[in-house]
Protein backbone atom coordinates (compact mmCIF):
# COMPACT_ATOMS: atom_id res chain seq x y z
CA MET A 1 -16.31 -14.08 36.73
CA THR A 2 -17.08 -17.62 35.32
CA THR A 3 -19.49 -15.91 32.90
CA THR A 4 -16.97 -13.41 31.87
CA LEU A 5 -14.75 -16.30 31.19
CA ASP A 6 -17.23 -18.34 29.14
CA GLU A 7 -17.74 -15.09 27.27
CA ARG A 8 -14.55 -14.64 26.18
CA ARG A 9 -14.19 -18.35 25.49
CA ARG A 10 -17.10 -18.14 23.06
CA LEU A 11 -15.64 -15.09 21.76
CA LEU A 12 -12.32 -16.76 20.82
CA ALA A 13 -14.03 -19.61 19.35
CA THR A 14 -15.75 -17.55 16.57
CA ARG A 15 -12.26 -15.67 15.79
CA ASP A 16 -9.84 -16.70 13.22
CA LEU A 17 -6.72 -16.05 15.96
CA PRO A 18 -4.02 -16.40 13.26
CA VAL A 19 -5.47 -13.90 11.58
CA ASP A 20 -5.64 -11.56 14.81
CA LEU A 21 -1.99 -12.26 15.50
CA VAL A 22 -0.67 -11.74 11.77
CA ARG A 23 -2.88 -8.24 11.77
CA VAL A 24 -1.19 -7.21 15.03
CA CYS A 25 2.30 -8.18 13.91
CA CYS A 26 1.63 -6.27 10.61
CA VAL A 27 1.06 -3.22 12.53
CA LEU A 28 4.02 -3.64 14.73
CA ALA A 29 6.41 -4.33 12.24
CA VAL A 30 5.63 -0.92 10.48
CA VAL A 31 6.21 0.67 13.67
CA VAL A 32 9.53 -1.14 14.59
CA LEU A 33 10.57 -0.45 10.64
CA HIS A 34 9.99 3.05 10.79
CA SER A 35 11.84 3.28 14.09
CA LEU A 36 14.76 1.20 12.18
CA MET A 37 14.72 3.77 9.07
CA LEU A 38 14.39 7.12 10.95
CA GLY A 39 17.58 8.86 11.18
CA LEU A 40 17.68 12.59 12.10
CA VAL A 41 20.71 14.84 11.17
CA VAL A 42 21.67 18.30 11.45
CA GLU A 43 22.70 19.50 7.70
CA PRO A 44 26.01 21.70 7.52
CA ASP A 45 23.81 24.80 7.28
CA GLY A 46 22.10 24.16 10.93
CA ALA A 47 18.75 22.47 9.31
CA VAL A 48 17.27 19.29 10.71
CA GLY A 49 16.91 17.03 8.14
CA TRP A 50 16.04 13.31 7.75
CA ARG A 51 17.52 10.27 6.12
CA ASN A 52 16.15 6.49 5.82
CA VAL A 53 18.81 4.46 7.06
CA LEU A 54 17.48 1.09 5.48
CA GLN A 55 16.72 2.29 2.21
CA GLY A 56 19.76 1.86 -0.25
CA ARG A 57 21.38 -0.87 1.44
CA PRO A 58 22.06 -3.89 -1.02
CA TRP A 59 19.87 -6.23 0.72
CA PHE A 60 16.82 -4.05 1.54
CA PRO A 61 14.93 -4.21 -1.81
CA VAL A 62 14.54 -8.41 -1.60
CA ALA A 63 13.69 -7.86 2.40
CA SER A 64 11.23 -5.18 1.46
CA TRP A 65 9.13 -8.22 -0.28
CA PHE A 66 8.69 -9.69 3.03
CA GLY A 67 9.21 -6.67 5.66
CA GLN A 68 6.70 -4.67 3.56
CA LEU A 69 3.67 -6.25 5.34
CA MET A 70 0.85 -3.98 4.29
CA PRO A 71 -0.35 -6.00 1.10
CA LEU A 72 -0.57 -9.09 3.86
CA PHE A 73 -2.65 -6.50 6.13
CA PHE A 74 -5.05 -5.99 3.16
CA VAL A 75 -5.52 -9.47 2.27
CA LEU A 76 -6.37 -9.98 5.75
CA GLY A 77 -8.41 -7.47 5.82
CA GLY A 78 -10.54 -8.67 2.95
CA PHE A 79 -11.13 -11.74 5.25
CA ALA A 80 -12.15 -9.44 8.28
CA SER A 81 -14.59 -7.58 5.61
CA TRP A 82 -15.96 -10.87 4.26
CA GLN A 83 -17.08 -11.80 7.96
CA GLY A 84 -18.34 -8.41 8.81
CA TRP A 85 -20.42 -8.22 5.46
CA ALA A 86 -21.69 -11.82 6.41
CA SER A 87 -23.07 -10.64 9.82
CA VAL A 88 -24.75 -7.41 8.29
CA GLU A 89 -26.47 -9.90 5.79
CA ARG A 90 -27.63 -11.94 8.65
CA ARG A 91 -29.09 -8.99 10.04
CA GLY A 92 -30.68 -8.29 7.06
CA GLY A 93 -28.64 -4.98 6.62
CA GLY A 94 -27.03 -3.47 3.56
CA ALA A 95 -24.08 -1.48 2.49
CA ARG A 96 -24.92 1.47 4.58
CA ASP A 97 -24.91 -0.69 7.68
CA PHE A 98 -21.48 -2.14 6.90
CA LEU A 99 -19.87 1.17 5.83
CA ARG A 100 -21.03 3.44 8.80
CA PRO A 101 -19.63 1.90 11.46
CA ARG A 102 -16.45 0.94 10.03
CA LEU A 103 -16.05 4.82 8.58
CA LEU A 104 -16.67 5.79 12.23
CA ARG A 105 -14.03 3.45 13.54
CA LEU A 106 -11.42 4.73 10.95
CA GLY A 107 -12.51 8.38 10.98
CA THR A 108 -13.15 9.15 14.91
CA PRO A 109 -9.53 8.33 15.76
CA ALA A 110 -8.38 10.05 12.78
CA LEU A 111 -10.23 13.25 14.05
CA VAL A 112 -8.78 12.77 17.34
CA TRP A 113 -5.32 12.56 15.80
CA PHE A 114 -5.48 15.46 13.79
CA ALA A 115 -6.75 17.61 16.39
CA ALA A 116 -4.19 16.49 19.11
CA VAL A 117 -1.20 16.52 16.87
CA GLY A 118 -2.05 19.68 15.05
CA GLY A 119 -2.50 21.57 18.39
CA LEU A 120 1.09 20.07 19.04
CA VAL A 121 2.48 21.38 15.87
CA TRP A 122 0.93 24.76 16.37
CA LEU A 123 1.93 24.90 19.93
CA ALA A 124 5.45 24.28 18.96
CA VAL A 125 5.44 26.91 16.21
CA ALA A 126 4.22 29.48 19.05
CA LEU A 127 6.93 28.54 21.30
CA GLY A 128 9.67 29.44 18.42
CA LEU A 129 9.75 26.39 15.96
CA PRO A 130 11.09 27.66 12.76
CA LEU A 131 8.07 27.50 10.25
CA PRO A 132 10.35 25.25 7.71
CA MET A 133 10.86 22.83 10.47
CA ALA A 134 7.18 22.84 11.49
CA ARG A 135 6.39 22.13 7.93
CA LEU A 136 8.95 19.24 7.71
CA LEU A 137 7.65 18.12 11.24
CA ALA A 138 3.86 18.24 9.78
CA HIS A 139 4.90 16.58 6.58
CA GLY A 140 6.80 13.65 8.20
CA LEU A 141 3.79 12.87 10.91
CA GLY A 142 1.50 12.74 7.79
CA MET A 143 3.38 10.02 5.63
CA PRO A 144 1.45 6.98 7.15
CA LEU A 145 -1.92 8.47 6.45
CA TRP A 146 -2.26 6.82 2.69
CA PHE A 147 -3.39 3.81 4.68
CA LEU A 148 -6.48 5.57 6.00
CA ALA A 149 -7.21 6.97 2.72
CA ALA A 150 -6.85 3.48 0.99
CA TYR A 151 -8.38 1.27 3.43
CA LEU A 152 -11.47 3.43 3.41
CA ILE A 153 -11.70 3.18 -0.32
CA CYS A 154 -11.45 -0.62 0.13
CA GLN A 155 -14.20 -0.59 2.73
CA ALA A 156 -16.50 1.25 0.72
CA ALA A 157 -15.93 -1.73 -2.29
CA VAL A 158 -16.60 -4.50 0.17
CA PRO A 159 -20.24 -4.90 -0.61
CA PHE A 160 -20.04 -4.92 -4.34
CA MET A 161 -16.78 -6.86 -4.86
CA ILE A 162 -17.93 -9.68 -2.54
CA ARG A 163 -21.23 -9.93 -4.81
CA VAL A 164 -18.68 -9.93 -7.77
CA HIS A 165 -16.44 -12.72 -6.06
CA ARG A 166 -19.49 -14.88 -5.38
CA ASP A 167 -20.76 -14.87 -8.73
CA HIS A 168 -17.38 -14.27 -10.62
CA PRO A 169 -14.43 -15.18 -8.56
CA ALA A 170 -12.15 -15.24 -11.55
CA ALA A 171 -13.25 -11.78 -13.15
CA GLY A 172 -13.12 -10.40 -9.65
CA VAL A 173 -9.53 -10.54 -9.83
CA LEU A 174 -8.39 -10.72 -13.34
CA VAL A 175 -10.53 -7.46 -14.43
CA PRO A 176 -8.99 -5.08 -11.72
CA LEU A 177 -5.84 -6.73 -12.49
CA ALA A 178 -5.98 -5.58 -16.31
CA GLY A 179 -6.81 -2.08 -14.96
CA CYS A 180 -3.93 -1.89 -12.65
CA ILE A 181 -1.49 -3.38 -15.46
CA ALA A 182 -2.98 -0.53 -18.08
CA VAL A 183 -2.79 2.05 -15.22
CA ASP A 184 1.20 1.47 -14.58
CA ALA A 185 1.71 1.05 -18.62
CA VAL A 186 0.16 4.53 -19.23
CA ARG A 187 2.31 5.88 -16.37
CA TYR A 188 5.55 4.69 -17.46
CA ALA A 189 5.04 5.23 -21.04
CA THR A 190 4.20 8.99 -20.41
CA GLY A 191 6.42 9.59 -17.19
CA VAL A 192 3.35 11.12 -15.73
CA THR A 193 3.39 9.87 -12.16
CA THR A 194 0.19 11.24 -10.99
CA VAL A 195 -1.59 8.72 -13.64
CA GLY A 196 -0.67 6.05 -10.92
CA LEU A 197 -3.08 7.23 -8.12
CA LEU A 198 -5.96 5.73 -10.15
CA ASN A 199 -4.30 2.52 -8.76
CA LEU A 200 -5.33 3.46 -5.39
CA LEU A 201 -8.82 2.41 -6.54
CA LEU A 202 -7.27 -0.71 -8.30
CA VAL A 203 -4.25 -2.21 -6.47
CA TRP A 204 -5.37 -2.09 -2.69
CA PRO A 205 -9.35 -3.23 -3.75
CA LEU A 206 -7.49 -6.12 -5.48
CA VAL A 207 -5.44 -7.16 -2.85
CA GLN A 208 -8.47 -7.09 -0.42
CA GLN A 209 -10.04 -9.40 -3.16
CA LEU A 210 -7.14 -11.86 -2.43
CA GLY A 211 -8.59 -12.14 1.24
CA PHE A 212 -11.93 -13.45 -0.23
CA PHE A 213 -10.13 -16.50 -1.37
CA TYR A 214 -9.06 -17.32 2.25
CA ALA A 215 -12.55 -16.24 3.64
CA ASP A 216 -14.23 -18.60 1.44
CA GLY A 217 -11.70 -21.54 1.99
CA SER A 218 -10.36 -21.52 -1.32
CA LEU A 219 -6.76 -20.97 -0.45
CA GLN A 220 -6.96 -23.37 2.48
CA ARG A 221 -7.92 -26.13 0.30
CA LEU A 222 -4.85 -26.07 -1.78
CA PRO A 223 -2.35 -28.54 -1.21
CA ARG A 224 0.80 -27.57 0.48
CA TRP A 225 3.02 -28.06 -2.63
CA ALA A 226 0.41 -25.78 -4.67
CA LEU A 227 0.98 -23.17 -1.88
CA VAL A 228 4.68 -23.20 -2.13
CA LEU A 229 4.55 -23.02 -6.00
CA LEU A 230 1.71 -20.00 -5.85
CA ALA A 231 4.50 -18.26 -3.36
CA ALA A 232 7.46 -19.01 -5.65
CA VAL A 233 5.69 -17.71 -8.69
CA ALA A 234 4.36 -14.49 -6.97
CA PHE A 235 7.97 -13.74 -5.58
CA THR A 236 9.60 -14.60 -8.86
CA GLY A 237 6.95 -12.43 -10.85
CA VAL A 238 8.40 -9.32 -8.25
CA GLY A 239 11.75 -10.32 -8.97
CA LEU A 240 11.23 -10.17 -12.78
CA LEU A 241 9.51 -7.03 -12.72
CA GLY A 242 11.95 -5.37 -10.44
CA SER A 243 14.56 -6.23 -12.78
CA SER A 244 12.58 -5.14 -15.83
CA GLY A 245 13.73 -1.34 -15.75
CA SER A 246 10.06 -0.53 -15.33
CA TYR A 247 9.59 -1.16 -11.66
CA SER A 248 11.84 -0.80 -8.78
CA PRO A 249 12.47 -3.94 -6.76
CA ASP A 250 12.08 -1.98 -3.62
CA MET A 251 8.44 -2.31 -2.39
CA LEU A 252 8.72 1.12 -0.72
CA THR A 253 9.26 2.76 -3.82
CA ASN A 254 6.13 0.92 -5.22
CA LEU A 255 4.10 1.97 -2.31
CA ASN A 256 2.89 5.51 -3.40
CA PRO A 257 1.31 5.20 -6.16
CA PRO A 258 0.82 1.61 -5.52
CA THR A 259 1.72 -0.70 -8.51
CA VAL A 260 1.48 -4.15 -9.88
CA PRO A 261 4.32 -5.68 -7.86
CA LEU A 262 2.35 -4.88 -4.66
CA VAL A 263 -0.53 -7.09 -5.85
CA LEU A 264 2.03 -10.00 -6.32
CA VAL A 265 3.62 -9.52 -3.08
CA GLY A 266 0.38 -9.82 -1.41
CA LEU A 267 -0.44 -13.12 -3.19
CA GLY A 268 3.04 -14.41 -2.16
CA GLN A 269 2.50 -13.32 1.31
CA ALA A 270 -1.11 -14.79 1.55
CA ALA A 271 0.39 -18.35 0.39
CA VAL A 272 3.19 -18.23 3.01
CA PHE A 273 0.50 -17.08 5.70
CA VAL A 274 -1.81 -20.17 4.84
CA LEU A 275 1.45 -22.32 4.83
CA VAL A 276 2.39 -21.34 8.50
CA ARG A 277 -1.03 -21.01 9.68
CA PRO A 278 -1.15 -24.24 11.78
CA ALA A 279 2.06 -23.17 13.56
CA LEU A 280 0.40 -19.90 14.18
CA ALA A 281 -2.84 -21.52 15.63
CA ARG A 282 -0.78 -23.64 17.92
CA LEU A 283 0.96 -20.43 19.40
CA MET A 284 -2.35 -18.73 19.75
CA ALA A 285 -3.82 -21.34 21.91
CA THR A 286 -1.42 -20.08 24.61
CA ARG A 287 -2.52 -17.57 27.15
CA PRO A 288 0.08 -15.30 26.56
CA ALA A 289 -0.33 -15.10 23.07
CA GLN A 290 -3.94 -14.29 23.43
CA ALA A 291 -3.25 -11.49 25.94
CA VAL A 292 -0.75 -9.67 23.75
CA VAL A 293 -3.05 -9.91 20.74
CA GLY A 294 -5.95 -9.04 22.68
CA LEU A 295 -4.44 -5.85 24.15
CA ALA A 296 -2.63 -4.41 21.02
CA GLY A 297 -5.75 -5.76 18.49
CA SER A 298 -8.20 -3.68 20.11
CA ARG A 299 -5.89 -0.58 19.42
CA LEU A 300 -4.27 -1.10 16.31
CA MET A 301 -5.62 2.20 14.36
CA THR A 302 -4.48 4.21 17.18
CA ILE A 303 -0.97 2.35 17.34
CA TYR A 304 -0.64 3.10 13.65
CA LEU A 305 -1.76 6.89 13.60
CA TRP A 306 0.37 7.80 16.47
CA HIS A 307 3.32 5.52 16.05
CA LEU A 308 5.28 8.15 13.99
CA LEU A 309 4.95 11.05 16.31
CA VAL A 310 6.71 8.81 19.22
CA VAL A 311 9.13 7.58 16.59
CA ILE A 312 10.20 11.13 15.62
CA ALA A 313 10.41 11.92 19.43
CA VAL A 314 12.68 9.52 20.23
CA ALA A 315 14.83 10.09 17.22
CA ALA A 316 15.16 13.67 18.03
CA THR A 317 17.04 12.89 20.99
CA ALA A 318 19.73 12.50 18.64
CA LEU A 319 19.71 16.24 18.36
CA VAL A 320 19.38 17.13 21.89
CA ALA A 321 22.22 14.67 23.36
CA PRO A 322 24.18 14.05 20.23
CA THR A 323 27.14 12.92 22.52
CA VAL A 324 24.92 10.40 24.05
CA VAL A 325 22.92 9.15 21.14
CA PRO A 326 25.03 7.39 18.29
CA ALA A 327 24.98 8.86 14.94
CA PRO A 328 22.23 7.08 12.65
CA GLY A 329 23.72 4.20 10.79
CA THR A 330 26.70 3.35 13.23
CA ALA A 331 26.91 -0.02 14.87
CA ALA A 332 26.38 1.60 17.91
CA TRP A 333 23.15 3.13 16.73
CA TRP A 334 21.91 -0.27 15.57
CA TRP A 335 22.49 -1.73 19.08
CA SER A 336 20.49 1.30 20.35
CA ARG A 337 17.44 0.18 18.31
CA VAL A 338 16.36 -2.24 20.71
CA PRO A 339 15.80 -0.13 23.93
CA ALA A 340 14.68 2.61 21.30
CA ASP A 341 12.01 0.28 19.86
CA LEU A 342 11.10 -1.19 23.50
CA LEU A 343 10.53 3.05 24.59
CA VAL A 344 8.79 3.63 21.18
CA LEU A 345 6.32 0.75 22.05
CA GLY A 346 5.79 1.53 25.66
CA VAL A 347 4.96 5.24 24.96
CA LEU A 348 2.33 3.92 22.42
CA LEU A 349 0.82 1.75 24.97
CA LEU A 350 0.49 4.80 27.27
CA ILE A 351 -0.89 7.03 24.91
CA SER A 352 -3.46 4.18 23.68
CA LEU A 353 -4.65 4.08 27.23
CA ALA A 354 -6.00 7.65 26.67
CA VAL A 355 -7.29 7.45 22.99
CA ALA A 356 -7.73 4.10 22.09
CA ARG A 357 -11.45 4.51 23.20
CA PHE A 358 -11.94 6.37 20.10
CA GLU A 359 -11.32 3.58 18.06
CA ARG A 360 -14.64 1.98 18.73
CA GLY A 361 -16.50 5.10 17.21
CA PRO A 362 -19.06 6.91 18.63
CA ARG A 363 -22.54 5.81 19.76
CA THR A 364 -24.89 6.22 16.83
CA ALA A 365 -28.27 7.12 17.92
CA GLY A 366 -29.81 7.75 14.63
CA PRO A 367 -30.66 5.62 11.69
CA PRO A 368 -27.89 5.22 8.96
CA PRO A 369 -27.68 8.41 6.78
CA SER A 370 -29.00 8.15 3.08
CA ALA A 371 -26.40 6.48 0.68
CA ARG A 372 -25.70 10.28 -0.77
CA ARG A 373 -24.97 11.41 2.74
CA LEU A 374 -22.68 8.67 3.43
CA ALA A 375 -20.69 9.14 0.33
CA VAL A 376 -20.23 12.66 1.22
CA ALA A 377 -19.04 11.47 4.88
CA LEU A 378 -16.54 9.04 3.08
CA ALA A 379 -15.34 11.57 0.78
CA LEU A 380 -14.72 14.01 3.58
CA ALA A 381 -12.71 11.50 5.47
CA VAL A 382 -10.75 10.37 2.53
CA VAL A 383 -9.36 13.64 1.11
CA PRO A 384 -7.26 14.77 4.20
CA PRO A 385 -5.24 11.48 4.32
CA PHE A 386 -5.26 11.57 0.55
CA TRP A 387 -3.73 14.94 0.72
CA ALA A 388 -1.27 14.30 3.11
CA MET A 389 0.14 11.09 1.05
CA GLN A 390 0.31 12.97 -2.18
CA ILE A 391 1.01 16.86 -1.34
CA GLY A 392 2.13 16.25 2.36
CA LEU A 393 0.55 18.04 5.42
CA ASP A 394 1.66 21.54 6.67
CA PRO A 395 0.39 23.41 9.92
CA ALA A 396 -2.56 24.83 8.11
CA GLY A 397 -3.37 21.01 6.65
CA PHE A 398 -4.28 19.83 10.31
CA VAL A 399 -6.99 22.55 10.74
CA TRP A 400 -8.72 22.10 7.59
CA GLY A 401 -8.02 18.28 7.90
CA THR A 402 -9.49 18.38 11.47
CA VAL A 403 -12.67 20.45 10.14
CA MET A 404 -13.34 17.72 7.65
CA LEU A 405 -12.93 14.84 9.52
CA ALA A 406 -15.34 16.20 12.05
CA ALA A 407 -17.72 17.08 9.38
CA ALA A 408 -17.66 13.48 8.10
CA VAL A 409 -17.94 11.73 11.26
CA LEU A 410 -21.36 14.15 11.92
CA VAL A 411 -22.63 13.28 8.83
CA ALA A 412 -21.84 9.45 9.16
CA ARG A 413 -23.53 9.65 12.44
CA GLY A 414 -26.89 10.69 11.09
CA ARG A 415 -29.57 12.44 12.67
CA PRO A 416 -30.28 11.56 16.33
CA ALA A 417 -33.38 9.32 16.77
CA VAL A 418 -36.38 11.59 17.78
């Protein structure tokens, strides 16, 4: 028992615990915010619809600068990726050794989710759920999958972008930033929204790049007044862009396709994180905080993938028990969010007990596949979540999505050793 405790202490000593804490908080905040946003209603024609209870309120745009925590998650993901790449380099490995385990750790739980949730959707259709309602359900369940596509793209870019950061740190930021601005300019000048999809290849890798400045200590070396100024300039820039008429001040609107304001939000959030890091470090010195972060941190992808299914299920109680569950947006409904959120988190914990093991990815017995095969696996893994983000899932999408993700995992695993 003493050895286990010593090993745990050594592991904690090698980790940046405030980073672990904030990454967990980012994902849990997504769960809570989606629970706060989603209100299911019955339309006059009897169809089931949904509305965003938060969006549209006058305070929501500014609140989204701090409540939309995905930019900060990608910043801290850059720090984690820097550490992961450094570990691969110490072992004498290369880009394939870095990407394959990450593709498996993201692709395997996504495969399980597509197969299991798709099975539930098809079962609901078989039991008499009208196809339009099944399509609405499938589309809603697939909405958070944009993260999977964006994060896989970012992970694939890590080895190259770290080399750029080490040799030309300023260019590593300014070049993709110029690209982001150019894409947004063309998008808004032409009115062709799909042009903005190019920023999926630029905005999130650029936000991840900001995390490299935390990983190499550059942000921590800034005096506190400079960090305050950096955060103030970043969020002022968000406000100016939001009031310019070209961009929305609402970061939810700027999310897909991603836009330049998200980069500024990530910069501002990163500066605030460094400012409060000493307080977070003191919190993470306590056993309860370490226990909670350890429990949630080992199943973040599982929580993220499955949370909307649980949120929708809890929200659906308003349809089956309308006299018990308050109408969305009412004062009573807001008060009911506390037990509803606790219920969502509790159910997610139970689900994670069954499926979180897939987050560790399958054991890989063979050598890493060739760069070409790994690129094919990456493309196979990115297409289903990208489709869910851009087009939306339907019941058939779960079928071919499962097939593509299964192929991605098999290709990434490589040939077994003989």
